[in-house]
Amino acid sequence: MNIKKEPFIMYIDCNEKKPWAFRKSNVVKEIKTKRLKHGDYTIAGLDGNSLEDEFLMIERKASIDELSGNLGKAASKKRLRNHFIESKAKYKFLIVEDSLSHIMKGSRYSHLPKKFVPGWLISLMMKENVHVIFANDRAHAQQYARHIMKKAWEYYLKDQKDKGLIE
């Protein structure tokens, strides 16, 4: 059996308002919903437990308006940043279903200065080692997330093999 070819279990946070519509496939064995401590999406380890706190966390934002809304309120901004700071995940992603050009223009509904959100994102990338992806739209964001989870699963299995936990 080639463990690298084994499909993985995906977890979606139960608080996710509009989750991406993933389907079972030869890559995704099962899709489960539960409350995740950090992020909106992750994969399960070999024991079936979610890995958002140790290996992979993906946070989804639908638009510049949602992101600006989160950053415009002190409590929401702190909660969002803390998701990334408190997670000890090796791989952390923020996927925005919007374009970089929209991010640079700012939200028409926000009181934040135009430069605030890009500056905050750059800080998040540099200080917390978060990979920020501007996916342009929902469909591309979902594709990115699926590819990220697939690659994370391969890296997780390699780590387990290197530690002598699997053959």
Foldseek 3Di string as FASTA:
>chain_A
DPVLQQAWAKEFEPPDPDDDDDDDDSRYPYYYYYHDPAAGMATADPVRHTCQQAAEHEHEAAALVRVLVQCQDPVSVVSNLCSLVRRNHPAAEYEYAAAPVDLQCGDPPHPDPSVVRVVVVVCCCPVRVYHYHDQHHDVSSVVVVSVVNSVSSSVSVVVCVVVVNDD
